[in-house]
Amino acid sequence: MTSVPGIVAALIAAGVVNGAVAAPPSIESFAARPRIESASISPDGHYLALIQISKGRGAVVILDRQANDSDNRKVVLGEPDEFHLS
């Protein structure tokens, strides 16, 4: 039986021998906001609220976890185009 450390060592060696090194991410993708932020589930487990990011802008989305349709999300609040401080 092969040990786990032996398998890991073999996989690392195979990657080094093949020269398979992943390219580093671009600065844009590295610094981009995550697709989903701040998920929260309702006390009864029926709804899921989250901030969903699309094209760099956030929107508060409510999902009905017990709905049968595939598009059961409701956007309740979107990020404004610009902020004004006074």
PDB file of N, CA and C in Angstrom:
ATOM      1  N   MET A   1       0.844  -1.184   0.000  1.00  0.00           N
ATOM      2  CA  MET A   1       0.000   0.000   0.000  1.00  0.00           C
ATOM      3  C   MET A   1       0.885   1.242   0.000  1.00  0.00           C
ATOM      4  N   THR A   2       0.571   2.225  -0.820  1.00  0.00           N
ATOM      5  CA  THR A   2       1.361   3.441  -0.941  1.00  0.00           C
ATOM      6  C   THR A   2       0.912   4.442   0.120  1.00  0.00           C
ATOM      7  N   SER A   3       1.882   5.085   0.740  1.00  0.00           N
ATOM      8  CA  SER A   3       1.555   6.055   1.778  1.00  0.00           C
ATOM      9  C   SER A   3       1.150   7.387   1.153  1.00  0.00           C
ATOM     10  N   VAL A   4       0.405   8.160   1.902  1.00  0.00           N
ATOM     11  CA  VAL A   4      -0.037   9.472   1.434  1.00  0.00           C
ATOM     12  C   VAL A   4       1.150  10.391   1.166  1.00  0.00           C
ATOM     13  N   PRO A   5       2.156  10.465   2.051  1.00  0.00           N
ATOM     14  CA  PRO A   5       3.309  11.313   1.742  1.00  0.00           C
ATOM     15  C   PRO A   5       4.020  10.875   0.458  1.00  0.00           C
ATOM     16  N   GLY A   6       4.060   9.568   0.191  1.00  0.00           N
ATOM     17  CA  GLY A   6       4.678   9.079  -1.038  1.00  0.00           C
ATOM     18  C   GLY A   6       3.929   9.532  -2.270  1.00  0.00           C
ATOM     19  N   ILE A   7       2.594   9.526  -2.209  1.00  0.00           N
ATOM     20  CA  ILE A   7       1.767   9.980  -3.332  1.00  0.00           C
ATOM     21  C   ILE A   7       1.958  11.475  -3.558  1.00  0.00           C
ATOM     22  N   VAL A   8       1.972  12.237  -2.480  1.00  0.00           N
ATOM     23  CA  VAL A   8       2.159  13.684  -2.591  1.00  0.00           C
ATOM     24  C   VAL A   8       3.520  13.992  -3.201  1.00  0.00           C
ATOM     25  N   ALA A   9       4.560  13.294  -2.747  1.00  0.00           N
ATOM     26  CA  ALA A   9       5.899  13.508  -3.289  1.00  0.00           C
ATOM     27  C   ALA A   9       5.946  13.176  -4.776  1.00  0.00           C
ATOM     28  N   ALA A  10       5.268  12.097  -5.185  1.00  0.00           N
ATOM     29  CA  ALA A  10       5.239  11.719  -6.601  1.00  0.00           C
ATOM     30  C   ALA A  10       4.526  12.769  -7.438  1.00  0.00           C
ATOM     31  N   LEU A  11       3.425  13.310  -6.925  1.00  0.00           N
ATOM     32  CA  LEU A  11       2.685  14.343  -7.660  1.00  0.00           C
ATOM     33  C   LEU A  11       3.518  15.617  -7.796  1.00  0.00           C
ATOM     34  N   ILE A  12       4.210  15.991  -6.742  1.00  0.00           N
ATOM     35  CA  ILE A  12       5.063  17.184  -6.798  1.00  0.00           C
ATOM     36  C   ILE A  12       6.195  16.969  -7.801  1.00  0.00           C
ATOM     37  N   ALA A  13       6.809  15.801  -7.749  1.00  0.00           N
ATOM     38  CA  ALA A  13       7.896  15.500  -8.679  1.00  0.00           C
ATOM     39  C   ALA A  13       7.399  15.501 -10.117  1.00  0.00           C
ATOM     40  N   ALA A  14       6.213  14.970 -10.364  1.00  0.00           N
ATOM     41  CA  ALA A  14       5.662  14.945 -11.725  1.00  0.00           C
ATOM     42  C   ALA A  14       5.434  16.368 -12.228  1.00  0.00           C
ATOM     43  N   GLY A  15       4.981  17.252 -11.368  1.00  0.00           N
ATOM     44  CA  GLY A  15       4.765  18.637 -11.768  1.00  0.00           C
ATOM     45  C   GLY A  15       6.068  19.344 -12.064  1.00  0.00           C
ATOM     46  N   VAL A  16       7.100  19.056 -11.287  1.00  0.00           N
ATOM     47  CA  VAL A  16       8.400  19.685 -11.502  1.00  0.00           C
ATOM     48  C   VAL A  16       9.041  19.150 -12.782  1.00  0.00           C
ATOM     49  N   VAL A  17       8.953  17.836 -13.002  1.00  0.00           N
ATOM     50  CA  VAL A  17       9.557  17.228 -14.182  1.00  0.00           C
ATOM     51  C   VAL A  17       8.878  17.719 -15.454  1.00  0.00           C
ATOM     52  N   ASN A  18       7.549  17.835 -15.434  1.00  0.00           N
ATOM     53  CA  ASN A  18       6.817  18.277 -16.616  1.00  0.00           C
ATOM     54  C   ASN A  18       6.891  19.785 -16.821  1.00  0.00           C
ATOM     55  N   GLY A  19       7.373  20.502 -15.838  1.00  0.00           N
ATOM     56  CA  GLY A  19       7.440  21.952 -15.950  1.00  0.00           C
ATOM     57  C   GLY A  19       6.072  22.606 -15.903  1.00  0.00           C
ATOM     58  N   ALA A  20       5.088  21.922 -15.342  1.00  0.00           N
ATOM     59  CA  ALA A  20       3.721  22.437 -15.282  1.00  0.00           C
ATOM     60  C   ALA A  20       3.617  23.446 -14.146  1.00  0.00           C
ATOM     61  N   VAL A  21       3.717  24.701 -14.497  1.00  0.00           N
ATOM     62  CA  VAL A  21       3.611  25.776 -13.515  1.00  0.00           C
ATOM     63  C   VAL A  21       2.494  26.704 -13.979  1.00  0.00           C
ATOM     64  N   ALA A  22       1.558  26.954 -13.092  1.00  0.00           N
ATOM     65  CA  ALA A  22       0.432  27.822 -13.443  1.00  0.00           C
ATOM     66  C   ALA A  22       0.904  29.264 -13.571  1.00  0.00           C
ATOM     67  N   ALA A  23       0.349  29.965 -14.518  1.00  0.00           N
ATOM     68  CA  ALA A  23       0.672  31.378 -14.698  1.00  0.00           C
ATOM     69  C   ALA A  23       0.065  32.170 -13.548  1.00  0.00           C
ATOM     70  N   PRO A  24       0.760  33.179 -13.070  1.00  0.00           N
ATOM     71  CA  PRO A  24       0.185  33.992 -11.998  1.00  0.00           C
ATOM     72  C   PRO A  24      -1.040  34.746 -12.508  1.00  0.00           C
ATOM     73  N   PRO A  25      -2.003  35.031 -11.617  1.00  0.00           N
ATOM     74  CA  PRO A  25      -3.191  35.762 -12.060  1.00  0.00           C
ATOM     75  C   PRO A  25      -2.839  37.202 -12.416  1.00  0.00           C
ATOM     76  N   SER A  26      -3.655  37.789 -13.266  1.00  0.00           N
ATOM     77  CA  SER A  26      -3.460  39.201 -13.586  1.00  0.00           C
ATOM     78  C   SER A  26      -3.796  40.041 -12.357  1.00  0.00           C
ATOM     79  N   ILE A  27      -3.307  41.261 -12.311  1.00  0.00           N
ATOM     80  CA  ILE A  27      -3.585  42.135 -11.170  1.00  0.00           C
ATOM     81  C   ILE A  27      -5.086  42.429 -11.068  1.00  0.00           C
ATOM     82  N   GLU A  28      -5.767  42.501 -12.219  1.00  0.00           N
ATOM     83  CA  GLU A  28      -7.214  42.763 -12.219  1.00  0.00           C
ATOM     84  C   GLU A  28      -7.973  41.615 -11.564  1.00  0.00           C
ATOM     85  N   SER A  29      -7.637  40.377 -11.933  1.00  0.00           N
ATOM     86  CA  SER A  29      -8.357  39.244 -11.353  1.00  0.00           C
ATOM     87  C   SER A  29      -7.943  39.026  -9.893  1.00  0.00           C
ATOM     88  N   PHE A  30      -6.678  39.323  -9.569  1.00  0.00           N
ATOM     89  CA  PHE A  30      -6.221  39.171  -8.191  1.00  0.00           C
ATOM     90  C   PHE A  30      -6.921  40.152  -7.258  1.00  0.00           C
ATOM     91  N   ALA A  31      -7.126  41.390  -7.709  1.00  0.00           N
ATOM     92  CA  ALA A  31      -7.706  42.432  -6.869  1.00  0.00           C
ATOM     93  C   ALA A  31      -9.225  42.540  -7.012  1.00  0.00           C
ATOM     94  N   ALA A  32      -9.832  41.740  -7.859  1.00  0.00           N
ATOM     95  CA  ALA A  32     -11.281  41.825  -8.081  1.00  0.00           C
ATOM     96  C   ALA A  32     -12.050  41.377  -6.839  1.00  0.00           C
ATOM     97  N   ARG A  33     -13.235  41.904  -6.697  1.00  0.00           N
ATOM     98  CA  ARG A  33     -14.105  41.491  -5.599  1.00  0.00           C
ATOM     99  C   ARG A  33     -14.558  40.054  -5.827  1.00  0.00           C
ATOM    100  N   PRO A  34     -14.823  39.303  -4.758  1.00  0.00           N
ATOM    101  CA  PRO A  34     -15.345  37.952  -4.938  1.00  0.00           C
ATOM    102  C   PRO A  34     -16.742  37.998  -5.544  1.00  0.00           C
ATOM    103  N   ARG A  35     -17.164  36.917  -6.180  1.00  0.00           N
ATOM    104  CA  ARG A  35     -18.489  36.895  -6.815  1.00  0.00           C
ATOM    105  C   ARG A  35     -19.615  36.948  -5.797  1.00  0.00           C
ATOM    106  N   ILE A  36     -19.387  36.406  -4.611  1.00  0.00           N
ATOM    107  CA  ILE A  36     -20.410  36.404  -3.560  1.00  0.00           C
ATOM    108  C   ILE A  36     -19.769  36.893  -2.270  1.00  0.00           C
ATOM    109  N   GLU A  37     -20.478  37.798  -1.585  1.00  0.00           N
ATOM    110  CA  GLU A  37     -20.032  38.326  -0.298  1.00  0.00           C
ATOM    111  C   GLU A  37     -21.163  38.204   0.713  1.00  0.00           C
ATOM    112  N   SER A  38     -20.831  38.056   1.965  1.00  0.00           N
ATOM    113  CA  SER A  38     -21.758  38.183   3.100  1.00  0.00           C
ATOM    114  C   SER A  38     -23.038  37.373   2.962  1.00  0.00           C
ATOM    115  N   ALA A  39     -22.935  36.079   2.794  1.00  0.00           N
ATOM    116  CA  ALA A  39     -24.121  35.227   2.723  1.00  0.00           C
ATOM    117  C   ALA A  39     -24.707  35.026   4.117  1.00  0.00           C
ATOM    118  N   SER A  40     -26.030  34.970   4.188  1.00  0.00           N
ATOM    119  CA  SER A  40     -26.728  34.755   5.454  1.00  0.00           C
ATOM    120  C   SER A  40     -28.012  33.972   5.180  1.00  0.00           C
ATOM    121  N   ILE A  41     -28.324  33.035   6.040  1.00  0.00           N
ATOM    122  CA  ILE A  41     -29.530  32.221   5.864  1.00  0.00           C
ATOM    123  C   ILE A  41     -30.564  32.633   6.903  1.00  0.00           C
ATOM    124  N   SER A  42     -31.837  32.601   6.522  1.00  0.00           N
ATOM    125  CA  SER A  42     -32.906  32.985   7.447  1.00  0.00           C
ATOM    126  C   SER A  42     -33.014  31.953   8.566  1.00  0.00           C
ATOM    127  N   PRO A  43     -33.582  32.332   9.720  1.00  0.00           N
ATOM    128  CA  PRO A  43     -33.686  31.402  10.850  1.00  0.00           C
ATOM    129  C   PRO A  43     -34.446  30.118  10.508  1.00  0.00           C
ATOM    130  N   ASP A  44     -35.445  30.202   9.638  1.00  0.00           N
ATOM    131  CA  ASP A  44     -36.189  28.992   9.282  1.00  0.00           C
ATOM    132  C   ASP A  44     -35.552  28.221   8.121  1.00  0.00           C
ATOM    133  N   GLY A  45     -34.462  28.759   7.544  1.00  0.00           N
ATOM    134  CA  GLY A  45     -33.756  28.074   6.470  1.00  0.00           C
ATOM    135  C   GLY A  45     -34.401  28.212   5.108  1.00  0.00           C
ATOM    136  N   HIS A  46     -35.448  29.014   5.004  1.00  0.00           N
ATOM    137  CA  HIS A  46     -36.198  29.136   3.754  1.00  0.00           C
ATOM    138  C   HIS A  46     -35.511  30.066   2.756  1.00  0.00           C
ATOM    139  N   TYR A  47     -34.866  31.122   3.252  1.00  0.00           N
ATOM    140  CA  TYR A  47     -34.269  32.128   2.373  1.00  0.00           C
ATOM    141  C   TYR A  47     -32.763  32.249   2.610  1.00  0.00           C
ATOM    142  N   LEU A  48     -32.076  32.621   1.550  1.00  0.00           N
ATOM    143  CA  LEU A  48     -30.652  32.907   1.598  1.00  0.00           C
ATOM    144  C   LEU A  48     -30.455  34.318   1.070  1.00  0.00           C
ATOM    145  N   ALA A  49     -29.814  35.172   1.858  1.00  0.00           N
ATOM    146  CA  ALA A  49     -29.518  36.546   1.437  1.00  0.00           C
ATOM    147  C   ALA A  49     -28.013  36.640   1.225  1.00  0.00           C
ATOM    148  N   LEU A  50     -27.621  37.335   0.157  1.00  0.00           N
ATOM    149  CA  LEU A  50     -26.201  37.487  -0.125  1.00  0.00           C
ATOM    150  C   LEU A  50     -25.966  38.718  -0.971  1.00  0.00           C
ATOM    151  N   ILE A  51     -24.721  39.140  -1.009  1.00  0.00           N
ATOM    152  CA  ILE A  51     -24.325  40.218  -1.913  1.00  0.00           C
ATOM    153  C   ILE A  51     -23.651  39.547  -3.095  1.00  0.00           C
ATOM    154  N   GLN A  52     -24.224  39.724  -4.271  1.00  0.00           N
ATOM    155  CA  GLN A  52     -23.697  39.116  -5.486  1.00  0.00           C
ATOM    156  C   GLN A  52     -23.046  40.203  -6.331  1.00  0.00           C
ATOM    157  N   ILE A  53     -21.827  39.952  -6.777  1.00  0.00           N
ATOM    158  CA  ILE A  53     -21.070  40.918  -7.563  1.00  0.00           C
ATOM    159  C   ILE A  53     -21.163  40.556  -9.040  1.00  0.00           C
ATOM    160  N   SER A  54     -21.516  41.538  -9.848  1.00  0.00           N
ATOM    161  CA  SER A  54     -21.571  41.353 -11.296  1.00  0.00           C
ATOM    162  C   SER A  54     -21.000  42.613 -11.947  1.00  0.00           C
ATOM    163  N   LYS A  55     -19.988  42.444 -12.771  1.00  0.00           N
ATOM    164  CA  LYS A  55     -19.319  43.555 -13.456  1.00  0.00           C
ATOM    165  C   LYS A  55     -18.814  44.600 -12.461  1.00  0.00           C
ATOM    166  N   GLY A  56     -18.312  44.131 -11.321  1.00  0.00           N
ATOM    167  CA  GLY A  56     -17.726  45.017 -10.335  1.00  0.00           C
ATOM    168  C   GLY A  56     -18.695  45.718  -9.416  1.00  0.00           C
ATOM    169  N   ARG A  57     -19.983  45.475  -9.571  1.00  0.00           N
ATOM    170  CA  ARG A  57     -20.991  46.142  -8.735  1.00  0.00           C
ATOM    171  C   ARG A  57     -21.754  45.115  -7.924  1.00  0.00           C
ATOM    172  N   GLY A  58     -22.091  45.490  -6.695  1.00  0.00           N
ATOM    173  CA  GLY A  58     -22.782  44.582  -5.797  1.00  0.00           C
ATOM    174  C   GLY A  58     -24.283  44.797  -5.788  1.00  0.00           C
ATOM    175  N   ALA A  59     -25.011  43.718  -5.508  1.00  0.00           N
ATOM    176  CA  ALA A  59     -26.462  43.786  -5.352  1.00  0.00           C
ATOM    177  C   ALA A  59     -26.871  42.806  -4.266  1.00  0.00           C
ATOM    178  N   VAL A  60     -27.783  43.230  -3.403  1.00  0.00           N
ATOM    179  CA  VAL A  60     -28.328  42.335  -2.388  1.00  0.00           C
ATOM    180  C   VAL A  60     -29.368  41.457  -3.069  1.00  0.00           C
ATOM    181  N   VAL A  61     -29.194  40.150  -2.927  1.00  0.00           N
ATOM    182  CA  VAL A  61     -30.056  39.184  -3.603  1.00  0.00           C
ATOM    183  C   VAL A  61     -30.657  38.253  -2.556  1.00  0.00           C
ATOM    184  N   ILE A  62     -31.939  37.964  -2.706  1.00  0.00           N
ATOM    185  CA  ILE A  62     -32.633  37.014  -1.844  1.00  0.00           C
ATOM    186  C   ILE A  62     -32.983  35.788  -2.685  1.00  0.00           C
ATOM    187  N   LEU A  63     -32.614  34.608  -2.207  1.00  0.00           N
ATOM    188  CA  LEU A  63     -32.924  33.363  -2.886  1.00  0.00           C
ATOM    189  C   LEU A  63     -33.903  32.559  -2.044  1.00  0.00           C
ATOM    190  N   ASP A  64     -34.956  32.075  -2.667  1.00  0.00           N
ATOM    191  CA  ASP A  64     -35.904  31.182  -2.010  1.00  0.00           C
ATOM    192  C   ASP A  64     -35.363  29.768  -2.187  1.00  0.00           C
ATOM    193  N   ARG A  65     -34.863  29.167  -1.118  1.00  0.00           N
ATOM    194  CA  ARG A  65     -34.212  27.869  -1.196  1.00  0.00           C
ATOM    195  C   ARG A  65     -35.184  26.735  -1.471  1.00  0.00           C
ATOM    196  N   GLN A  66     -36.485  26.953  -1.280  1.00  0.00           N
ATOM    197  CA  GLN A  66     -37.455  25.887  -1.483  1.00  0.00           C
ATOM    198  C   GLN A  66     -38.219  26.024  -2.792  1.00  0.00           C
ATOM    199  N   ALA A  67     -37.901  27.049  -3.573  1.00  0.00           N
ATOM    200  CA  ALA A  67     -38.576  27.237  -4.861  1.00  0.00           C
ATOM    201  C   ALA A  67     -38.038  26.221  -5.863  1.00  0.00           C
ATOM    202  N   ASN A  68     -38.900  25.795  -6.773  1.00  0.00           N
ATOM    203  CA  ASN A  68     -38.522  24.790  -7.759  1.00  0.00           C
ATOM    204  C   ASN A  68     -37.935  25.378  -9.030  1.00  0.00           C
ATOM    205  N   ASP A  69     -38.210  26.652  -9.308  1.00  0.00           N
ATOM    206  CA  ASP A  69     -37.696  27.236 -10.545  1.00  0.00           C
ATOM    207  C   ASP A  69     -36.208  27.552 -10.412  1.00  0.00           C
ATOM    208  N   SER A  70     -35.511  27.568 -11.533  1.00  0.00           N
ATOM    209  CA  SER A  70     -34.065  27.769 -11.516  1.00  0.00           C
ATOM    210  C   SER A  70     -33.680  29.235 -11.285  1.00  0.00           C
ATOM    211  N   ASP A  71     -34.546  30.168 -11.631  1.00  0.00           N
ATOM    212  CA  ASP A  71     -34.244  31.589 -11.430  1.00  0.00           C
ATOM    213  C   ASP A  71     -35.127  32.128 -10.318  1.00  0.00           C
ATOM    214  N   ASN A  72     -34.802  31.779  -9.093  1.00  0.00           N
ATOM    215  CA  ASN A  72     -35.633  32.158  -7.948  1.00  0.00           C
ATOM    216  C   ASN A  72     -35.013  33.289  -7.145  1.00  0.00           C
ATOM    217  N   ARG A  73     -34.120  34.068  -7.767  1.00  0.00           N
ATOM    218  CA  ARG A  73     -33.475  35.151  -7.039  1.00  0.00           C
ATOM    219  C   ARG A  73     -34.225  36.460  -7.241  1.00  0.00           C
ATOM    220  N   LYS A  74     -34.235  37.263  -6.205  1.00  0.00           N
ATOM    221  CA  LYS A  74     -34.875  38.572  -6.255  1.00  0.00           C
ATOM    222  C   LYS A  74     -33.851  39.611  -5.803  1.00  0.00           C
ATOM    223  N   VAL A  75     -33.525  40.548  -6.695  1.00  0.00           N
ATOM    224  CA  VAL A  75     -32.605  41.628  -6.346  1.00  0.00           C
ATOM    225  C   VAL A  75     -33.402  42.671  -5.577  1.00  0.00           C
ATOM    226  N   VAL A  76     -32.975  42.965  -4.352  1.00  0.00           N
ATOM    227  CA  VAL A  76     -33.721  43.912  -3.527  1.00  0.00           C
ATOM    228  C   VAL A  76     -33.006  45.240  -3.345  1.00  0.00           C
ATOM    229  N   LEU A  77     -31.701  45.283  -3.628  1.00  0.00           N
ATOM    230  CA  LEU A  77     -30.961  46.525  -3.467  1.00  0.00           C
ATOM    231  C   LEU A  77     -29.703  46.447  -4.316  1.00  0.00           C
ATOM    232  N   GLY A  78     -29.483  47.471  -5.133  1.00  0.00           N
ATOM    233  CA  GLY A  78     -28.295  47.509  -5.983  1.00  0.00           C
ATOM    234  C   GLY A  78     -27.344  48.603  -5.553  1.00  0.00           C
ATOM    235  N   GLU A  79     -26.092  48.436  -5.907  1.00  0.00           N
ATOM    236  CA  GLU A  79     -25.074  49.431  -5.596  1.00  0.00           C
ATOM    237  C   GLU A  79     -25.271  50.637  -6.510  1.00  0.00           C
ATOM    238  N   PRO A  80     -25.226  51.847  -5.968  1.00  0.00           N
ATOM    239  CA  PRO A  80     -25.447  53.037  -6.807  1.00  0.00           C
ATOM    240  C   PRO A  80     -24.284  53.274  -7.765  1.00  0.00           C
ATOM    241  N   ASP A  81     -24.534  54.079  -8.778  1.00  0.00           N
ATOM    242  CA  ASP A  81     -23.488  54.425  -9.741  1.00  0.00           C
ATOM    243  C   ASP A  81     -22.362  55.198  -9.071  1.00  0.00           C
ATOM    244  N   GLU A  82     -22.707  56.054  -8.155  1.00  0.00           N
ATOM    245  CA  GLU A  82     -21.702  56.847  -7.441  1.00  0.00           C
ATOM    246  C   GLU A  82     -22.219  57.198  -6.062  1.00  0.00           C
ATOM    247  N   PHE A  83     -21.276  57.491  -5.158  1.00  0.00           N
ATOM    248  CA  PHE A  83     -21.604  57.877  -3.796  1.00  0.00           C
ATOM    249  C   PHE A  83     -21.342  59.364  -3.603  1.00  0.00           C
ATOM    250  N   HIS A  84     -22.180  60.002  -2.816  1.00  0.00           N
ATOM    251  CA  HIS A  84     -22.005  61.413  -2.490  1.00  0.00           C
ATOM    252  C   HIS A  84     -21.854  61.547  -0.980  1.00  0.00           C
ATOM    253  N   LEU A  85     -20.770  62.148  -0.573  1.00  0.00           N
ATOM    254  CA  LEU A  85     -20.543  62.412   0.847  1.00  0.00           C
ATOM    255  C   LEU A  85     -20.765  63.883   1.114  1.00  0.00           C
ATOM    256  N   SER A  86     -21.458  64.159   2.198  1.00  0.00           N
ATOM    257  CA  SER A  86     -21.682  65.580   2.531  1.00  0.00           C
ATOM    258  C   SER A  86     -21.365  65.846   3.979  1.00  0.00           C
TER     259      SER A  86
END
